[in-house]
C-alpha atoms as a PDB file:
ATOM      1  CA  MET A   1     -19.925  81.121 203.454  1.00  0.00           C
ATOM      2  CA  GLU A   2     -21.546  83.526 205.893  1.00  0.00           C
ATOM      3  CA  LYS A   3     -24.415  81.088 206.505  1.00  0.00           C
ATOM      4  CA  LEU A   4     -22.023  78.261 207.342  1.00  0.00           C
ATOM      5  CA  ALA A   5     -19.918  80.523 209.550  1.00  0.00           C
ATOM      6  CA  ALA A   6     -22.998  81.795 211.382  1.00  0.00           C
ATOM      7  CA  GLY A   7     -23.858  78.212 212.291  1.00  0.00           C
ATOM      8  CA  ASN A   8     -20.272  77.414 213.338  1.00  0.00           C
ATOM      9  CA  ASP A   9     -20.211  74.936 210.466  1.00  0.00           C
ATOM     10  CA  LEU A  10     -17.215  76.136 208.445  1.00  0.00           C
ATOM     11  CA  PRO A  11     -14.412  73.582 208.958  1.00  0.00           C
ATOM     12  CA  PRO A  12     -10.755  74.499 208.326  1.00  0.00           C
ATOM     13  CA  GLU A  13     -10.588  72.102 205.361  1.00  0.00           C
ATOM     14  CA  LEU A  14     -13.253  74.052 203.447  1.00  0.00           C
ATOM     15  CA  ASP A  15     -12.347  77.110 201.387  1.00  0.00           C
ATOM     16  CA  LEU A  16     -15.055  79.086 199.609  1.00  0.00           C
ATOM     17  CA  GLN A  17     -14.342  82.065 197.379  1.00  0.00           C
ATOM     18  CA  PRO A  18     -17.330  83.748 195.675  1.00  0.00           C
ATOM     19  CA  PHE A  19     -16.781  85.670 192.458  1.00  0.00           C
ATOM     20  CA  LEU A  20     -18.665  87.966 190.100  1.00  0.00           C
ATOM     21  CA  THR A  21     -17.734  88.472 186.472  1.00  0.00           C
ATOM     22  CA  ALA A  22     -19.211  89.926 183.293  1.00  0.00           C
ATOM     23  CA  THR A  23     -18.832  87.798 180.182  1.00  0.00           C
ATOM     24  CA  PRO A  24     -19.882  88.754 176.644  1.00  0.00           C
ATOM     25  CA  THR A  25     -22.945  86.541 177.132  1.00  0.00           C
ATOM     26  CA  GLY A  26     -23.975  88.059 180.473  1.00  0.00           C
ATOM     27  CA  LYS A  27     -23.199  88.391 184.175  1.00  0.00           C
ATOM     28  CA  VAL A  28     -22.020  85.342 186.105  1.00  0.00           C
ATOM     29  CA  TYR A  29     -22.060  84.659 189.852  1.00  0.00           C
ATOM     30  CA  GLY A  30     -20.083  81.669 190.999  1.00  0.00           C
ATOM     31  CA  GLY A  31     -17.680  80.389 193.568  1.00  0.00           C
ATOM     32  CA  PHE A  32     -14.441  78.495 193.925  1.00  0.00           C
ATOM     33  CA  CYS A  33     -14.850  75.602 196.348  1.00  0.00           C
ATOM     34  CA  MET A  34     -11.930  73.575 197.681  1.00  0.00           C
ATOM     35  CA  TRP A  35     -11.867  70.817 200.277  1.00  0.00           C
ATOM     36  CA  ALA A  36      -8.282  70.343 201.488  1.00  0.00           C
ATOM     37  CA  GLY A  37      -8.516  67.161 203.516  1.00  0.00           C
ATOM     38  CA  PRO A  38      -8.335  63.364 203.194  1.00  0.00           C
ATOM     39  CA  ASP A  39     -12.010  62.751 204.058  1.00  0.00           C
ATOM     40  CA  ILE A  40     -13.490  63.275 200.582  1.00  0.00           C
ATOM     41  CA  ASP A  41     -16.926  61.968 201.610  1.00  0.00           C
ATOM     42  CA  ARG A  42     -17.179  64.673 204.287  1.00  0.00           C
ATOM     43  CA  GLY A  43     -16.073  67.252 201.744  1.00  0.00           C
ATOM     44  CA  CYS A  44     -18.833  66.147 199.358  1.00  0.00           C
ATOM     45  CA  LYS A  45     -21.409  66.613 202.119  1.00  0.00           C
ATOM     46  CA  TYR A  46     -20.269  70.209 202.588  1.00  0.00           C
ATOM     47  CA  LEU A  47     -20.378  70.743 198.832  1.00  0.00           C
ATOM     48  CA  ASP A  48     -24.034  69.668 198.909  1.00  0.00           C
ATOM     49  CA  LYS A  49     -24.663  72.250 201.643  1.00  0.00           C
ATOM     50  CA  VAL A  50     -23.054  74.976 199.554  1.00  0.00           C
ATOM     51  CA  LEU A  51     -25.035  74.033 196.440  1.00  0.00           C
ATOM     52  CA  PHE A  52     -28.250  74.130 198.474  1.00  0.00           C
ATOM     53  CA  PHE A  53     -27.861  77.874 199.122  1.00  0.00           C
ATOM     54  CA  HIS A  54     -28.388  78.946 195.510  1.00  0.00           C
ATOM     55  CA  PRO A  55     -29.651  77.406 192.248  1.00  0.00           C
ATOM     56  CA  LYS A  56     -26.740  76.236 190.104  1.00  0.00           C
ATOM     57  CA  VAL A  57     -26.261  76.179 186.354  1.00  0.00           C
ATOM     58  CA  LEU A  58     -22.991  74.263 186.399  1.00  0.00           C
ATOM     59  CA  CYS A  59     -20.825  72.491 188.980  1.00  0.00           C
ATOM     60  CA  THR A  60     -17.352  71.257 188.063  1.00  0.00           C
ATOM     61  CA  VAL A  61     -16.082  70.396 191.563  1.00  0.00           C
ATOM     62  CA  ALA A  62     -14.291  67.032 191.542  1.00  0.00           C
ATOM     63  CA  PRO A  63     -11.432  65.321 193.431  1.00  0.00           C
ATOM     64  CA  ALA A  64      -8.030  66.456 192.178  1.00  0.00           C
ATOM     65  CA  THR A  65      -4.378  66.595 193.115  1.00  0.00           C
ATOM     66  CA  MET A  66      -2.826  69.961 193.944  1.00  0.00           C
ATOM     67  CA  MET A  67      -1.241  70.151 190.477  1.00  0.00           C
ATOM     68  CA  GLU A  68      -4.541  69.296 188.782  1.00  0.00           C
ATOM     69  CA  SER A  69      -6.272  71.957 190.871  1.00  0.00           C
ATOM     70  CA  LEU A  70      -3.738  74.600 189.819  1.00  0.00           C
ATOM     71  CA  GLU A  71      -4.124  73.613 186.173  1.00  0.00           C
ATOM     72  CA  ARG A  72      -7.908  73.950 186.436  1.00  0.00           C
ATOM     73  CA  ASN A  73      -7.602  77.401 187.988  1.00  0.00           C
ATOM     74  CA  ALA A  74      -5.181  78.467 185.250  1.00  0.00           C
ATOM     75  CA  ALA A  75      -7.785  77.576 182.649  1.00  0.00           C
ATOM     76  CA  TYR A  76     -10.085  80.290 184.015  1.00  0.00           C
ATOM     77  CA  VAL A  77      -7.728  83.179 183.262  1.00  0.00           C
ATOM     78  CA  PRO A  78      -6.039  84.376 180.056  1.00  0.00           C
ATOM     79  CA  GLU A  79      -2.340  83.643 179.673  1.00  0.00           C
ATOM     80  CA  SER A  80      -1.625  87.380 179.446  1.00  0.00           C
ATOM     81  CA  SER A  81      -3.562  90.535 180.269  1.00  0.00           C
ATOM     82  CA  TYR A  82      -3.325  94.264 180.913  1.00  0.00           C
ATOM     83  CA  THR A  83      -3.834  94.747 184.621  1.00  0.00           C
ATOM     84  CA  ASN A  84      -4.586  97.448 187.145  1.00  0.00           C
ATOM     85  CA  SER A  85      -5.831  95.226 189.960  1.00  0.00           C
ATOM     86  CA  ARG A  86      -6.458  96.497 193.476  1.00  0.00           C
ATOM     87  CA  ALA A  87      -7.580  95.102 196.805  1.00  0.00           C
ATOM     88  CA  VAL A  88      -9.506  96.427 199.789  1.00  0.00           C
ATOM     89  CA  ASN A  89      -9.405  94.635 203.140  1.00  0.00           C
ATOM     90  CA  VAL A  90     -12.643  94.780 205.120  1.00  0.00           C
ATOM     91  CA  LYS A  91     -13.589  93.445 208.540  1.00  0.00           C
ATOM     92  CA  ARG A  92     -16.651  91.607 207.231  1.00  0.00           C
ATOM     93  CA  ILE A  93     -18.921  91.403 204.192  1.00  0.00           C
ATOM     94  CA  THR A  94     -21.888  93.424 205.440  1.00  0.00           C
ATOM     95  CA  PRO A  95     -25.179  93.697 203.509  1.00  0.00           C
ATOM     96  CA  LYS A  96     -24.127  97.196 202.395  1.00  0.00           C
ATOM     97  CA  ILE A  97     -20.757  95.982 201.124  1.00  0.00           C
ATOM     98  CA  TYR A  98     -22.408  93.077 199.331  1.00  0.00           C
ATOM     99  CA  ALA A  99     -24.856  95.487 197.672  1.00  0.00           C
ATOM    100  CA  ILE A 100     -21.933  97.637 196.485  1.00  0.00           C
ATOM    101  CA  LEU A 101     -20.189  94.580 195.040  1.00  0.00           C
ATOM    102  CA  VAL A 102     -23.306  93.353 193.255  1.00  0.00           C
ATOM    103  CA  GLU A 103     -23.926  96.811 191.785  1.00  0.00           C
ATOM    104  CA  ALA A 104     -20.296  96.981 190.643  1.00  0.00           C
ATOM    105  CA  CYS A 105     -20.822  93.786 188.682  1.00  0.00           C
ATOM    106  CA  GLU A 106     -23.647  95.477 186.782  1.00  0.00           C
ATOM    107  CA  TYR A 107     -21.282  98.034 185.251  1.00  0.00           C
ATOM    108  CA  MET A 108     -18.198  95.795 185.068  1.00  0.00           C
ATOM    109  CA  PRO A 109     -16.775  95.875 181.515  1.00  0.00           C
ATOM    110  CA  ALA A 110     -17.408  92.623 179.666  1.00  0.00           C
ATOM    111  CA  ASP A 111     -13.899  91.209 179.476  1.00  0.00           C
ATOM    112  CA  PRO A 112     -12.995  87.595 180.321  1.00  0.00           C
ATOM    113  CA  ALA A 113      -9.988  88.746 182.371  1.00  0.00           C
ATOM    114  CA  ALA A 114     -11.979  91.041 184.692  1.00  0.00           C
ATOM    115  CA  MET A 115     -13.361  89.641 187.925  1.00  0.00           C
ATOM    116  CA  LEU A 116     -14.540  90.663 191.364  1.00  0.00           C
ATOM    117  CA  THR A 117     -13.932  88.175 194.156  1.00  0.00           C
ATOM    118  CA  TRP A 118     -13.296  88.010 197.887  1.00  0.00           C
ATOM    119  CA  HIS A 119     -11.758  85.539 200.294  1.00  0.00           C
ATOM    120  CA  GLU A 120     -11.568  85.348 204.074  1.00  0.00           C
ATOM    121  CA  VAL A 121      -8.500  85.128 206.279  1.00  0.00           C
ATOM    122  CA  ARG A 122      -9.739  82.977 209.167  1.00  0.00           C
ATOM    123  CA  PRO A 123      -8.052  82.095 212.486  1.00  0.00           C
ATOM    124  CA  CYS A 124      -7.298  78.643 211.038  1.00  0.00           C
ATOM    125  CA  SER A 125      -5.419  80.204 208.108  1.00  0.00           C
ATOM    126  CA  PRO A 126      -1.594  79.890 208.079  1.00  0.00           C
ATOM    127  CA  SER A 127      -1.415  83.627 207.320  1.00  0.00           C
ATOM    128  CA  PHE A 128      -3.349  84.540 210.469  1.00  0.00           C
ATOM    129  CA  SER A 129      -1.117  85.505 213.373  1.00  0.00           C
ATOM    130  CA  PRO A 130      -1.840  87.014 216.802  1.00  0.00           C
ATOM    131  CA  ALA A 131      -0.034  90.060 218.116  1.00  0.00           C
ATOM    132  CA  THR A 132       2.232  87.874 220.249  1.00  0.00           C
ATOM    133  CA  ARG A 133       3.698  86.047 217.251  1.00  0.00           C
ATOM    134  CA  LEU A 134       7.025  87.559 216.181  1.00  0.00           C
ATOM    135  CA  ALA A 135       8.346  84.891 213.794  1.00  0.00           C
ATOM    136  CA  SER A 136       7.238  86.764 210.669  1.00  0.00           C
ATOM    137  CA  VAL A 137       8.123  90.129 209.131  1.00  0.00           C
ATOM    138  CA  PHE A 138       4.412  90.758 208.704  1.00  0.00           C
ATOM    139  CA  ASN A 139       2.406  92.500 211.392  1.00  0.00           C
ATOM    140  CA  SER A 140      -0.132  90.557 213.424  1.00  0.00           C
ATOM    141  CA  ARG A 141      -3.202  89.813 211.314  1.00  0.00           C
ATOM    142  CA  GLU A 142      -6.807  89.764 212.408  1.00  0.00           C
ATOM    143  CA  THR A 143      -9.605  87.910 210.659  1.00  0.00           C
ATOM    144  CA  HIS A 144     -10.841  89.850 207.649  1.00  0.00           C
ATOM    145  CA  TYR A 145     -11.978  89.622 204.043  1.00  0.00           C
ATOM    146  CA  VAL A 146      -9.818  90.550 201.061  1.00  0.00           C
ATOM    147  CA  VAL A 147     -11.933  92.091 198.302  1.00  0.00           C
ATOM    148  CA  GLU A 148      -9.961  91.500 195.103  1.00  0.00           C
ATOM    149  CA  ILE A 149     -10.836  93.980 192.357  1.00  0.00           C
ATOM    150  CA  LEU A 150      -9.250  92.216 189.395  1.00  0.00           C
ATOM    151  CA  ALA A 151      -9.321  95.068 186.887  1.00  0.00           C
ATOM    152  CA  ASN A 152      -7.722  93.080 184.082  1.00  0.00           C
ATOM    153  CA  ALA A 153      -8.240  93.354 180.340  1.00  0.00           C
ATOM    154  CA  SER A 154      -7.487  90.605 177.849  1.00  0.00           C
ATOM    155  CA  VAL A 155      -7.131  93.179 175.047  1.00  0.00           C
ATOM    156  CA  GLU A 156      -5.584  96.641 175.216  1.00  0.00           C
ATOM    157  CA  GLU A 157      -8.675  98.485 173.976  1.00  0.00           C
ATOM    158  CA  ASN A 158     -10.579  97.380 177.114  1.00  0.00           C
ATOM    159  CA  PHE A 159      -7.867  98.423 179.560  1.00  0.00           C
ATOM    160  CA  GLU A 160      -8.975 102.029 180.135  1.00  0.00           C
ATOM    161  CA  ALA A 161     -12.588 101.067 180.845  1.00  0.00           C
ATOM    162  CA  VAL A 162     -11.584  98.221 183.148  1.00  0.00           C
ATOM    163  CA  SER A 163      -9.115 100.447 185.032  1.00  0.00           C
ATOM    164  CA  LYS A 164     -11.754 103.135 185.603  1.00  0.00           C
ATOM    165  CA  TRP A 165     -14.183 100.498 186.836  1.00  0.00           C
ATOM    166  CA  GLY A 166     -11.696  99.088 189.334  1.00  0.00           C
ATOM    167  CA  LEU A 167     -10.653 102.465 190.706  1.00  0.00           C
ATOM    168  CA  SER A 168     -14.288 103.593 190.990  1.00  0.00           C
ATOM    169  CA  LEU A 169     -15.222 100.501 193.016  1.00  0.00           C
ATOM    170  CA  LYS A 170     -12.243 100.904 195.319  1.00  0.00           C
ATOM    171  CA  GLU A 171     -13.097 104.556 196.001  1.00  0.00           C
ATOM    172  CA  GLU A 172     -16.755 103.686 196.609  1.00  0.00           C
ATOM    173  CA  LEU A 173     -15.818 101.139 199.269  1.00  0.00           C
ATOM    174  CA  LEU A 174     -13.468 103.601 200.979  1.00  0.00           C
ATOM    175  CA  GLN A 175     -16.102 106.355 200.988  1.00  0.00           C
ATOM    176  CA  GLU A 176     -19.252 104.371 201.758  1.00  0.00           C
ATOM    177  CA  VAL A 177     -17.993 101.944 204.433  1.00  0.00           C
ATOM    178  CA  PRO A 178     -14.852 103.521 205.958  1.00  0.00           C
ATOM    179  CA  GLU A 179     -15.635 101.958 209.329  1.00  0.00           C
ATOM    180  CA  GLU A 180     -15.240  98.473 207.809  1.00  0.00           C
ATOM    181  CA  VAL A 181     -12.003  99.100 205.879  1.00  0.00           C
ATOM    182  CA  LEU A 182      -8.651  98.073 207.368  1.00  0.00           C
ATOM    183  CA  ASN A 183      -5.557 100.265 207.033  1.00  0.00           C
ATOM    184  CA  ALA A 184      -3.392  97.760 205.162  1.00  0.00           C
ATOM    185  CA  SER A 185      -4.385  96.181 201.860  1.00  0.00           C
ATOM    186  CA  TRP A 186      -3.296  92.952 200.219  1.00  0.00           C
ATOM    187  CA  LEU A 187       0.256  93.490 198.978  1.00  0.00           C
ATOM    188  CA  ALA A 188      -0.142  91.333 195.855  1.00  0.00           C
ATOM    189  CA  SER A 189      -2.865  93.645 194.493  1.00  0.00           C
ATOM    190  CA  THR A 190      -1.607  96.975 195.816  1.00  0.00           C
ATOM    191  CA  PRO A 191       0.082  99.301 193.289  1.00  0.00           C
ATOM    192  CA  ASN A 192       3.034 101.360 194.464  1.00  0.00           C
ATOM    193  CA  GLU A 193       1.057 104.603 194.439  1.00  0.00           C
ATOM    194  CA  ASP A 194      -1.376 103.153 196.994  1.00  0.00           C
ATOM    195  CA  LEU A 195       1.349 102.168 199.463  1.00  0.00           C
ATOM    196  CA  ASP A 196       1.548 105.206 201.748  1.00  0.00           C
ATOM    197  CA  SER A 197       4.034 103.495 203.990  1.00  0.00           C
ATOM    198  CA  LEU A 198       5.449 100.012 204.389  1.00  0.00           C
ATOM    199  CA  ASP A 199       5.308 100.662 208.139  1.00  0.00           C
ATOM    200  CA  LYS A 200       1.561  99.919 208.061  1.00  0.00           C
ATOM    201  CA  LEU A 201       2.119  96.607 206.362  1.00  0.00           C
ATOM    202  CA  TYR A 202       5.168  95.304 208.189  1.00  0.00           C
ATOM    203  CA  GLY A 203       5.440  97.471 211.308  1.00  0.00           C
ATOM    204  CA  VAL A 204       8.192 100.062 211.789  1.00  0.00           C
ATOM    205  CA  ALA A 205      10.914  97.699 213.039  1.00  0.00           C
ATOM    206  CA  ASN A 206      10.248  95.039 210.405  1.00  0.00           C
ATOM    207  CA  ALA A 207      10.093  97.616 207.594  1.00  0.00           C
ATOM    208  CA  GLN A 208      13.475  98.992 208.657  1.00  0.00           C
ATOM    209  CA  PHE A 209      14.901  95.460 208.805  1.00  0.00           C
ATOM    210  CA  LEU A 210      13.638  94.665 205.300  1.00  0.00           C
ATOM    211  CA  GLY A 211      15.004  97.931 203.917  1.00  0.00           C
ATOM    212  CA  LYS A 212      18.436  97.188 205.365  1.00  0.00           C
ATOM    213  CA  LEU A 213      18.340  93.602 204.099  1.00  0.00           C
ATOM    214  CA  LYS A 214      17.376  94.780 200.613  1.00  0.00           C
ATOM    215  CA  LYS A 215      20.343  97.165 200.438  1.00  0.00           C
ATOM    216  CA  GLU A 216      22.743  94.471 201.643  1.00  0.00           C
ATOM    217  CA  ARG A 217      21.531  91.571 199.508  1.00  0.00           C
ATOM    218  CA  ASP A 218      20.295  93.389 196.409  1.00  0.00           C
ATOM    219  CA  PRO A 219      22.325  96.609 195.983  1.00  0.00           C
ATOM    220  CA  GLU A 220      21.659  96.694 192.217  1.00  0.00           C
ATOM    221  CA  ALA A 221      17.894  96.276 192.717  1.00  0.00           C
ATOM    222  CA  LEU A 222      17.557  93.071 190.729  1.00  0.00           C
ATOM    223  CA  PHE A 223      14.335  92.356 192.624  1.00  0.00           C
ATOM    224  CA  ARG A 224      12.952  95.880 192.323  1.00  0.00           C
ATOM    225  CA  HIS A 225       9.717  94.502 190.859  1.00  0.00           C
ATOM    226  CA  ALA A 226       9.287  91.853 193.559  1.00  0.00           C
ATOM    227  CA  ILE A 227       8.717  93.968 196.686  1.00  0.00           C
ATOM    228  CA  PRO A 228       7.059  97.380 196.184  1.00  0.00           C
ATOM    229  CA  ARG A 229       8.945 100.472 197.273  1.00  0.00           C
ATOM    230  CA  ILE A 230      11.767  98.813 199.212  1.00  0.00           C
END
């Protein structure tokens, strides 16, 4: 991804998401590749570029509908798991950060539900918004990478080891590269205890608006598990 971006050759239709995981048979490095556009031939050319960067053992990329794509992704994860996932937002994937991630894979517990992955929020992303945009309750968002530490365990006996691994990696990133870490993390993978303040995530005015709306529309807290700490 970084090589394509460096050459200004990363079109909006192309989404690349590398991942590292530890299976019972050994460590695996791979990537999710999606071309979201009607020109399939052009997408195949970019797939060839991606495959050129590293020797491959297996490639399962093929044209699919959105529903088929979701079903394929679902096949990669267990139907249920014990989870303590976390996320760290960084400005860029520097060589030091990449080295930390690779090392973390070496001591990742061998569980099919555990995974380390990262994706980029680019200016072409629908979730990217400049400071002048006020149509969303979310603060303005700059380009960054979301490092997803998926500390999941498919069986309960692996949960403690996986949780310790995830927390250790998160703390290492915060301590070793603080200059690259953004204040707000990805809400979907942020436990309540890590949310110091919703003001950082939404902005003071928007956080107050959401708090008021929650009290008015959900006084009995039916959705208490949907939005952390509101």
